[in-house]
PDB file of N, CA and C in Angstrom:
ATOM      1  N   UNK A   1      13.789 -28.180 -51.495  1.00  0.00           N
ATOM      2  CA  UNK A   1      14.059 -27.509 -52.818  1.00  0.00           C
ATOM      3  C   UNK A   1      15.038 -26.442 -52.609  1.00  0.00           C
ATOM      4  N   UNK A   2      16.006 -26.438 -53.393  1.00  0.00           N
ATOM      5  CA  UNK A   2      17.021 -25.322 -53.395  1.00  0.00           C
ATOM      6  C   UNK A   2      16.511 -24.089 -54.131  1.00  0.00           C
ATOM      7  N   UNK A   3      16.946 -22.885 -53.672  1.00  0.00           N
ATOM      8  CA  UNK A   3      16.524 -21.779 -54.560  1.00  0.00           C
ATOM      9  C   UNK A   3      17.782 -20.994 -54.732  1.00  0.00           C
ATOM     10  N   UNK A   4      17.643 -20.450 -55.995  1.00  0.00           N
ATOM     11  CA  UNK A   4      18.881 -19.620 -56.351  1.00  0.00           C
ATOM     12  C   UNK A   4      18.556 -18.083 -56.158  1.00  0.00           C
ATOM     13  N   UNK A   5      19.343 -17.419 -55.437  1.00  0.00           N
ATOM     14  CA  UNK A   5      19.038 -15.964 -55.034  1.00  0.00           C
ATOM     15  C   UNK A   5      19.839 -15.175 -56.034  1.00  0.00           C
ATOM     16  N   UNK A   6      19.228 -13.965 -56.444  1.00  0.00           N
ATOM     17  CA  UNK A   6      20.035 -13.042 -57.321  1.00  0.00           C
ATOM     18  C   UNK A   6      21.047 -12.384 -56.285  1.00  0.00           C
ATOM     19  N   UNK A   7      22.057 -11.788 -56.970  1.00  0.00           N
ATOM     20  CA  UNK A   7      23.174 -11.215 -56.205  1.00  0.00           C
ATOM     21  C   UNK A   7      22.600 -10.206 -55.031  1.00  0.00           C
ATOM     22  N   UNK A   8      21.628  -9.449 -55.583  1.00  0.00           N
ATOM     23  CA  UNK A   8      20.967  -8.525 -54.596  1.00  0.00           C
ATOM     24  C   UNK A   8      20.360  -9.051 -53.476  1.00  0.00           C
ATOM     25  N   UNK A   9      19.465 -10.098 -53.777  1.00  0.00           N
ATOM     26  CA  UNK A   9      18.810 -10.856 -52.772  1.00  0.00           C
ATOM     27  C   UNK A   9      19.741 -11.560 -51.903  1.00  0.00           C
ATOM     28  N   UNK A  10      20.786 -12.122 -52.359  1.00  0.00           N
ATOM     29  CA  UNK A  10      21.842 -12.753 -51.489  1.00  0.00           C
ATOM     30  C   UNK A  10      22.482 -11.757 -50.454  1.00  0.00           C
ATOM     31  N   UNK A  11      22.757 -10.560 -50.868  1.00  0.00           N
ATOM     32  CA  UNK A  11      23.345  -9.498 -50.140  1.00  0.00           C
ATOM     33  C   UNK A  11      22.287  -9.108 -49.064  1.00  0.00           C
ATOM     34  N   UNK A  12      21.017  -8.841 -49.389  1.00  0.00           N
ATOM     35  CA  UNK A  12      20.010  -8.575 -48.401  1.00  0.00           C
ATOM     36  C   UNK A  12      19.838  -9.617 -47.442  1.00  0.00           C
ATOM     37  N   UNK A  13      19.917 -10.823 -47.803  1.00  0.00           N
ATOM     38  CA  UNK A  13      19.711 -11.961 -46.825  1.00  0.00           C
ATOM     39  C   UNK A  13      21.043 -12.000 -45.906  1.00  0.00           C
ATOM     40  N   UNK A  14      22.210 -11.930 -46.466  1.00  0.00           N
ATOM     41  CA  UNK A  14      23.335 -11.930 -45.596  1.00  0.00           C
ATOM     42  C   UNK A  14      23.452 -10.786 -44.565  1.00  0.00           C
ATOM     43  N   UNK A  15      22.992  -9.701 -45.012  1.00  0.00           N
ATOM     44  CA  UNK A  15      22.970  -8.478 -44.257  1.00  0.00           C
ATOM     45  C   UNK A  15      21.785  -8.200 -43.327  1.00  0.00           C
ATOM     46  N   UNK A  16      20.719  -9.082 -43.332  1.00  0.00           N
ATOM     47  CA  UNK A  16      19.381  -8.907 -42.605  1.00  0.00           C
ATOM     48  C   UNK A  16      19.647  -8.634 -41.190  1.00  0.00           C
ATOM     49  N   UNK A  17      20.594  -9.253 -40.639  1.00  0.00           N
ATOM     50  CA  UNK A  17      20.766  -9.183 -39.089  1.00  0.00           C
ATOM     51  C   UNK A  17      21.283  -7.739 -38.651  1.00  0.00           C
ATOM     52  N   UNK A  18      21.706  -6.969 -39.654  1.00  0.00           N
ATOM     53  CA  UNK A  18      22.193  -5.551 -39.530  1.00  0.00           C
ATOM     54  C   UNK A  18      21.216  -4.599 -40.107  1.00  0.00           C
ATOM     55  N   UNK A  19      20.017  -4.879 -40.420  1.00  0.00           N
ATOM     56  CA  UNK A  19      19.077  -3.972 -41.219  1.00  0.00           C
ATOM     57  C   UNK A  19      18.715  -2.753 -40.339  1.00  0.00           C
ATOM     58  N   UNK A  20      18.893  -2.904 -39.053  1.00  0.00           N
ATOM     59  CA  UNK A  20      18.616  -1.666 -38.090  1.00  0.00           C
ATOM     60  C   UNK A  20      19.840  -0.740 -38.103  1.00  0.00           C
ATOM     61  N   UNK A  21      20.930  -1.000 -38.827  1.00  0.00           N
ATOM     62  CA  UNK A  21      22.170  -0.221 -38.587  1.00  0.00           C
ATOM     63  C   UNK A  21      22.696   0.083 -40.068  1.00  0.00           C
ATOM     64  N   UNK A  22      22.224  -0.509 -41.084  1.00  0.00           N
ATOM     65  CA  UNK A  22      22.765  -0.277 -42.547  1.00  0.00           C
ATOM     66  C   UNK A  22      21.597   0.052 -43.461  1.00  0.00           C
ATOM     67  N   UNK A  23      21.915   0.635 -44.568  1.00  0.00           N
ATOM     68  CA  UNK A  23      21.099   0.952 -45.617  1.00  0.00           C
ATOM     69  C   UNK A  23      21.666   0.145 -46.885  1.00  0.00           C
ATOM     70  N   UNK A  24      20.839  -0.656 -47.532  1.00  0.00           N
ATOM     71  CA  UNK A  24      21.175  -1.302 -48.802  1.00  0.00           C
ATOM     72  C   UNK A  24      20.605  -0.456 -49.956  1.00  0.00           C
ATOM     73  N   UNK A  25      21.510   0.090 -50.792  1.00  0.00           N
ATOM     74  CA  UNK A  25      21.198   1.025 -52.006  1.00  0.00           C
ATOM     75  C   UNK A  25      21.676   0.054 -53.192  1.00  0.00           C
ATOM     76  N   UNK A  26      20.606   0.115 -54.146  1.00  0.00           N
ATOM     77  CA  UNK A  26      21.080  -0.547 -55.370  1.00  0.00           C
ATOM     78  C   UNK A  26      21.449   0.499 -56.455  1.00  0.00           C
ATOM     79  N   UNK A  27      22.582   0.510 -57.103  1.00  0.00           N
ATOM     80  CA  UNK A  27      23.157   1.331 -57.964  1.00  0.00           C
ATOM     81  C   UNK A  27      24.113   0.709 -58.961  1.00  0.00           C
ATOM     82  N   UNK A  28      24.415   1.423 -59.961  1.00  0.00           N
ATOM     83  CA  UNK A  28      25.462   0.902 -60.887  1.00  0.00           C
ATOM     84  C   UNK A  28      26.522   2.048 -61.010  1.00  0.00           C
ATOM     85  N   UNK A  29      27.731   1.665 -61.341  1.00  0.00           N
ATOM     86  CA  UNK A  29      28.726   2.542 -61.501  1.00  0.00           C
ATOM     87  C   UNK A  29      29.346   2.384 -62.949  1.00  0.00           C
ATOM     88  N   UNK A  30      28.965   3.218 -63.932  1.00  0.00           N
ATOM     89  CA  UNK A  30      29.482   3.036 -65.302  1.00  0.00           C
ATOM     90  C   UNK A  30      30.974   3.133 -65.584  1.00  0.00           C
ATOM     91  N   UNK A  31      31.569   3.769 -64.684  1.00  0.00           N
ATOM     92  CA  UNK A  31      33.086   3.767 -64.767  1.00  0.00           C
ATOM     93  C   UNK A  31      33.739   2.435 -64.275  1.00  0.00           C
ATOM     94  N   UNK A  32      33.035   1.681 -63.564  1.00  0.00           N
ATOM     95  CA  UNK A  32      33.440   0.375 -62.922  1.00  0.00           C
ATOM     96  C   UNK A  32      32.528  -0.604 -63.031  1.00  0.00           C
ATOM     97  N   UNK A  33      32.095  -1.154 -64.129  1.00  0.00           N
ATOM     98  CA  UNK A  33      31.025  -2.036 -64.279  1.00  0.00           C
ATOM     99  C   UNK A  33      31.128  -3.382 -63.718  1.00  0.00           C
ATOM    100  N   UNK A  34      32.581  -3.661 -63.315  1.00  0.00           N
ATOM    101  CA  UNK A  34      32.809  -5.040 -62.698  1.00  0.00           C
ATOM    102  C   UNK A  34      32.400  -5.089 -61.240  1.00  0.00           C
ATOM    103  N   UNK A  35      32.088  -3.826 -60.660  1.00  0.00           N
ATOM    104  CA  UNK A  35      31.716  -3.703 -59.181  1.00  0.00           C
ATOM    105  C   UNK A  35      30.273  -4.406 -59.138  1.00  0.00           C
ATOM    106  N   UNK A  36      29.971  -5.312 -58.186  1.00  0.00           N
ATOM    107  CA  UNK A  36      28.738  -5.767 -57.916  1.00  0.00           C
ATOM    108  C   UNK A  36      28.181  -5.233 -56.486  1.00  0.00           C
ATOM    109  N   UNK A  37      28.954  -5.115 -55.635  1.00  0.00           N
ATOM    110  CA  UNK A  37      28.512  -4.688 -54.341  1.00  0.00           C
ATOM    111  C   UNK A  37      29.638  -4.164 -53.517  1.00  0.00           C
ATOM    112  N   UNK A  38      29.512  -3.115 -52.625  1.00  0.00           N
ATOM    113  CA  UNK A  38      30.499  -2.484 -51.904  1.00  0.00           C
ATOM    114  C   UNK A  38      29.862  -2.271 -50.499  1.00  0.00           C
ATOM    115  N   UNK A  39      30.614  -2.710 -49.385  1.00  0.00           N
ATOM    116  CA  UNK A  39      30.263  -2.290 -48.006  1.00  0.00           C
ATOM    117  C   UNK A  39      31.104  -1.039 -47.798  1.00  0.00           C
ATOM    118  N   UNK A  40      30.572   0.098 -47.450  1.00  0.00           N
ATOM    119  CA  UNK A  40      31.379   1.262 -46.931  1.00  0.00           C
ATOM    120  C   UNK A  40      31.429   1.311 -45.532  1.00  0.00           C
ATOM    121  N   UNK A  41      32.622   1.527 -44.935  1.00  0.00           N
ATOM    122  CA  UNK A  41      32.784   1.795 -43.555  1.00  0.00           C
ATOM    123  C   UNK A  41      32.182   3.101 -43.178  1.00  0.00           C
ATOM    124  N   UNK A  42      31.894   3.357 -41.889  1.00  0.00           N
ATOM    125  CA  UNK A  42      31.422   4.632 -41.516  1.00  0.00           C
ATOM    126  C   UNK A  42      32.068   5.758 -41.838  1.00  0.00           C
ATOM    127  N   UNK A  43      33.445   5.618 -41.971  1.00  0.00           N
ATOM    128  CA  UNK A  43      34.433   6.789 -42.479  1.00  0.00           C
ATOM    129  C   UNK A  43      34.315   6.864 -44.032  1.00  0.00           C
ATOM    130  N   UNK A  44      33.664   6.113 -44.802  1.00  0.00           N
ATOM    131  CA  UNK A  44      33.645   6.148 -46.151  1.00  0.00           C
ATOM    132  C   UNK A  44      34.535   5.311 -46.972  1.00  0.00           C
ATOM    133  N   UNK A  45      35.440   4.760 -46.345  1.00  0.00           N
ATOM    134  CA  UNK A  45      36.330   3.687 -46.980  1.00  0.00           C
ATOM    135  C   UNK A  45      35.665   2.454 -47.244  1.00  0.00           C
ATOM    136  N   UNK A  46      36.174   1.598 -48.200  1.00  0.00           N
ATOM    137  CA  UNK A  46      35.665   0.325 -48.500  1.00  0.00           C
ATOM    138  C   UNK A  46      36.003  -0.718 -47.458  1.00  0.00           C
ATOM    139  N   UNK A  47      35.045  -1.296 -46.878  1.00  0.00           N
ATOM    140  CA  UNK A  47      35.298  -2.528 -46.049  1.00  0.00           C
ATOM    141  C   UNK A  47      35.253  -3.861 -46.637  1.00  0.00           C
ATOM    142  N   UNK A  48      34.474  -3.973 -47.699  1.00  0.00           N
ATOM    143  CA  UNK A  48      34.236  -5.274 -48.381  1.00  0.00           C
ATOM    144  C   UNK A  48      33.712  -4.947 -49.733  1.00  0.00           C
ATOM    145  N   UNK A  49      34.110  -5.841 -50.784  1.00  0.00           N
ATOM    146  CA  UNK A  49      33.390  -5.475 -52.106  1.00  0.00           C
ATOM    147  C   UNK A  49      33.380  -6.813 -52.802  1.00  0.00           C
ATOM    148  N   UNK A  50      32.485  -6.866 -53.776  1.00  0.00           N
ATOM    149  CA  UNK A  50      32.187  -8.054 -54.663  1.00  0.00           C
ATOM    150  C   UNK A  50      32.280  -7.406 -56.044  1.00  0.00           C
ATOM    151  N   UNK A  51      33.149  -8.254 -56.880  1.00  0.00           N
ATOM    152  CA  UNK A  51      33.359  -7.887 -58.277  1.00  0.00           C
ATOM    153  C   UNK A  51      32.778  -8.997 -59.245  1.00  0.00           C
ATOM    154  N   UNK A  52      32.674  -8.822 -60.388  1.00  0.00           N
ATOM    155  CA  UNK A  52      32.132  -9.789 -61.348  1.00  0.00           C
ATOM    156  C   UNK A  52      33.042 -10.989 -61.291  1.00  0.00           C
ATOM    157  N   UNK A  53      34.285 -10.838 -60.979  1.00  0.00           N
ATOM    158  CA  UNK A  53      35.323 -12.026 -60.998  1.00  0.00           C
ATOM    159  C   UNK A  53      35.416 -12.649 -59.522  1.00  0.00           C
ATOM    160  N   UNK A  54      35.287 -11.938 -58.571  1.00  0.00           N
ATOM    161  CA  UNK A  54      35.459 -12.404 -57.314  1.00  0.00           C
ATOM    162  C   UNK A  54      34.306 -12.237 -56.271  1.00  0.00           C
ATOM    163  N   UNK A  55      33.827 -13.221 -55.675  1.00  0.00           N
ATOM    164  CA  UNK A  55      32.673 -13.196 -54.797  1.00  0.00           C
ATOM    165  C   UNK A  55      32.944 -12.607 -53.434  1.00  0.00           C
ATOM    166  N   UNK A  56      33.943 -13.172 -52.676  1.00  0.00           N
ATOM    167  CA  UNK A  56      34.114 -12.723 -51.218  1.00  0.00           C
ATOM    168  C   UNK A  56      33.036 -12.634 -50.455  1.00  0.00           C
ATOM    169  N   UNK A  57      31.993 -13.617 -50.777  1.00  0.00           N
ATOM    170  CA  UNK A  57      30.701 -13.489 -50.087  1.00  0.00           C
ATOM    171  C   UNK A  57      30.876 -13.764 -48.638  1.00  0.00           C
ATOM    172  N   UNK A  58      31.798 -14.638 -48.191  1.00  0.00           N
ATOM    173  CA  UNK A  58      31.865 -14.852 -46.665  1.00  0.00           C
ATOM    174  C   UNK A  58      32.386 -13.727 -46.015  1.00  0.00           C
ATOM    175  N   UNK A  59      33.146 -12.878 -46.530  1.00  0.00           N
ATOM    176  CA  UNK A  59      33.778 -11.800 -45.845  1.00  0.00           C
ATOM    177  C   UNK A  59      32.687 -10.669 -45.567  1.00  0.00           C
ATOM    178  N   UNK A  60      31.581 -10.788 -46.313  1.00  0.00           N
ATOM    179  CA  UNK A  60      30.619  -9.669 -45.964  1.00  0.00           C
ATOM    180  C   UNK A  60      30.105  -9.706 -44.577  1.00  0.00           C
ATOM    181  N   UNK A  61      29.737 -10.806 -43.882  1.00  0.00           N
ATOM    182  CA  UNK A  61      29.201 -10.796 -42.668  1.00  0.00           C
ATOM    183  C   UNK A  61      30.457 -10.627 -41.564  1.00  0.00           C
ATOM    184  N   UNK A  62      31.522 -10.959 -41.922  1.00  0.00           N
ATOM    185  CA  UNK A  62      32.748 -10.697 -41.031  1.00  0.00           C
ATOM    186  C   UNK A  62      32.976  -9.076 -40.955  1.00  0.00           C
ATOM    187  N   UNK A  63      32.854  -8.464 -42.150  1.00  0.00           N
ATOM    188  CA  UNK A  63      33.032  -6.988 -42.176  1.00  0.00           C
ATOM    189  C   UNK A  63      31.860  -6.314 -41.603  1.00  0.00           C
ATOM    190  N   UNK A  64      30.645  -6.761 -41.759  1.00  0.00           N
ATOM    191  CA  UNK A  64      29.489  -6.140 -41.139  1.00  0.00           C
ATOM    192  C   UNK A  64      29.657  -6.289 -39.436  1.00  0.00           C
ATOM    193  N   UNK A  65      30.132  -7.388 -39.132  1.00  0.00           N
ATOM    194  CA  UNK A  65      30.284  -7.579 -37.551  1.00  0.00           C
ATOM    195  C   UNK A  65      31.299  -6.722 -36.944  1.00  0.00           C
ATOM    196  N   UNK A  66      32.423  -6.592 -37.870  1.00  0.00           N
ATOM    197  CA  UNK A  66      33.555  -5.766 -37.295  1.00  0.00           C
ATOM    198  C   UNK A  66      33.115  -4.194 -37.263  1.00  0.00           C
ATOM    199  N   UNK A  67      32.421  -3.778 -38.295  1.00  0.00           N
ATOM    200  CA  UNK A  67      32.075  -2.360 -38.445  1.00  0.00           C
ATOM    201  C   UNK A  67      30.811  -1.991 -37.712  1.00  0.00           C
ATOM    202  N   UNK A  68      29.832  -2.998 -37.536  1.00  0.00           N
ATOM    203  CA  UNK A  68      28.465  -2.670 -37.066  1.00  0.00           C
ATOM    204  C   UNK A  68      28.003  -3.416 -35.998  1.00  0.00           C
ATOM    205  N   UNK A  69      28.969  -4.298 -35.366  1.00  0.00           N
ATOM    206  CA  UNK A  69      28.567  -5.089 -34.246  1.00  0.00           C
ATOM    207  C   UNK A  69      27.860  -6.431 -34.552  1.00  0.00           C
ATOM    208  N   UNK A  70      27.288  -7.105 -33.439  1.00  0.00           N
ATOM    209  CA  UNK A  70      26.677  -8.358 -33.650  1.00  0.00           C
ATOM    210  C   UNK A  70      25.357  -8.176 -34.337  1.00  0.00           C
ATOM    211  N   UNK A  71      24.728  -9.091 -34.944  1.00  0.00           N
ATOM    212  CA  UNK A  71      23.481  -9.062 -35.486  1.00  0.00           C
ATOM    213  C   UNK A  71      22.428  -8.764 -34.561  1.00  0.00           C
ATOM    214  N   UNK A  72      21.218  -8.276 -34.958  1.00  0.00           N
ATOM    215  CA  UNK A  72      20.143  -7.797 -34.065  1.00  0.00           C
ATOM    216  C   UNK A  72      19.291  -8.935 -33.811  1.00  0.00           C
ATOM    217  N   UNK A  73      19.379 -10.001 -34.554  1.00  0.00           N
ATOM    218  CA  UNK A  73      18.381 -11.161 -34.317  1.00  0.00           C
ATOM    219  C   UNK A  73      19.213 -12.413 -33.885  1.00  0.00           C
ATOM    220  N   UNK A  74      18.626 -13.291 -33.201  1.00  0.00           N
ATOM    221  CA  UNK A  74      19.293 -14.472 -32.721  1.00  0.00           C
ATOM    222  C   UNK A  74      19.715 -15.356 -33.867  1.00  0.00           C
ATOM    223  N   UNK A  75      20.842 -15.992 -33.720  1.00  0.00           N
ATOM    224  CA  UNK A  75      21.425 -16.846 -34.849  1.00  0.00           C
ATOM    225  C   UNK A  75      20.453 -18.126 -34.875  1.00  0.00           C
ATOM    226  N   UNK A  76      20.562 -18.908 -36.038  1.00  0.00           N
ATOM    227  CA  UNK A  76      19.675 -19.987 -36.190  1.00  0.00           C
ATOM    228  C   UNK A  76      19.643 -21.102 -35.213  1.00  0.00           C
ATOM    229  N   UNK A  77      20.759 -21.170 -34.531  1.00  0.00           N
ATOM    230  CA  UNK A  77      21.108 -22.305 -33.453  1.00  0.00           C
ATOM    231  C   UNK A  77      20.036 -21.918 -32.376  1.00  0.00           C
ATOM    232  N   UNK A  78      19.826 -20.668 -32.047  1.00  0.00           N
ATOM    233  CA  UNK A  78      18.916 -20.336 -30.960  1.00  0.00           C
ATOM    234  C   UNK A  78      17.390 -20.051 -31.279  1.00  0.00           C
ATOM    235  N   UNK A  79      17.358 -19.982 -32.515  1.00  0.00           N
ATOM    236  CA  UNK A  79      15.826 -19.689 -33.125  1.00  0.00           C
ATOM    237  C   UNK A  79      15.004 -20.771 -32.727  1.00  0.00           C
ATOM    238  N   UNK A  80      13.892 -20.645 -32.386  1.00  0.00           N
ATOM    239  CA  UNK A  80      12.855 -21.592 -31.975  1.00  0.00           C
ATOM    240  C   UNK A  80      12.864 -22.142 -30.516  1.00  0.00           C
ATOM    241  N   UNK A  81      13.850 -21.644 -29.800  1.00  0.00           N
ATOM    242  CA  UNK A  81      13.726 -21.852 -28.383  1.00  0.00           C
ATOM    243  C   UNK A  81      12.823 -21.035 -27.663  1.00  0.00           C
ATOM    244  N   UNK A  82      12.101 -21.477 -26.581  1.00  0.00           N
ATOM    245  CA  UNK A  82      11.099 -20.474 -25.992  1.00  0.00           C
ATOM    246  C   UNK A  82      11.905 -20.145 -24.648  1.00  0.00           C
ATOM    247  N   UNK A  83      11.353 -19.042 -24.171  1.00  0.00           N
ATOM    248  CA  UNK A  83      11.705 -18.373 -22.769  1.00  0.00           C
ATOM    249  C   UNK A  83      10.848 -18.518 -21.802  1.00  0.00           C
TER     250      UNK A  83
END
């Protein structure tokens, strides 16, 4: 059964591997209602964004890895293996 995630849920799921290094804040910007999500770099500049017209979804994990390193949990390929 396929499930449809809300944009906020999708962001949280995509960023789950970096939860120990990032904070997800839900907010709106009345001056820019087209903005749906922004990843800010540690220096305050925009590293990635999602607008109403452009998803750019696959770039989120690339930007997270670039600015915050590898994920904290193993990828799905290694999940389920015992040590």
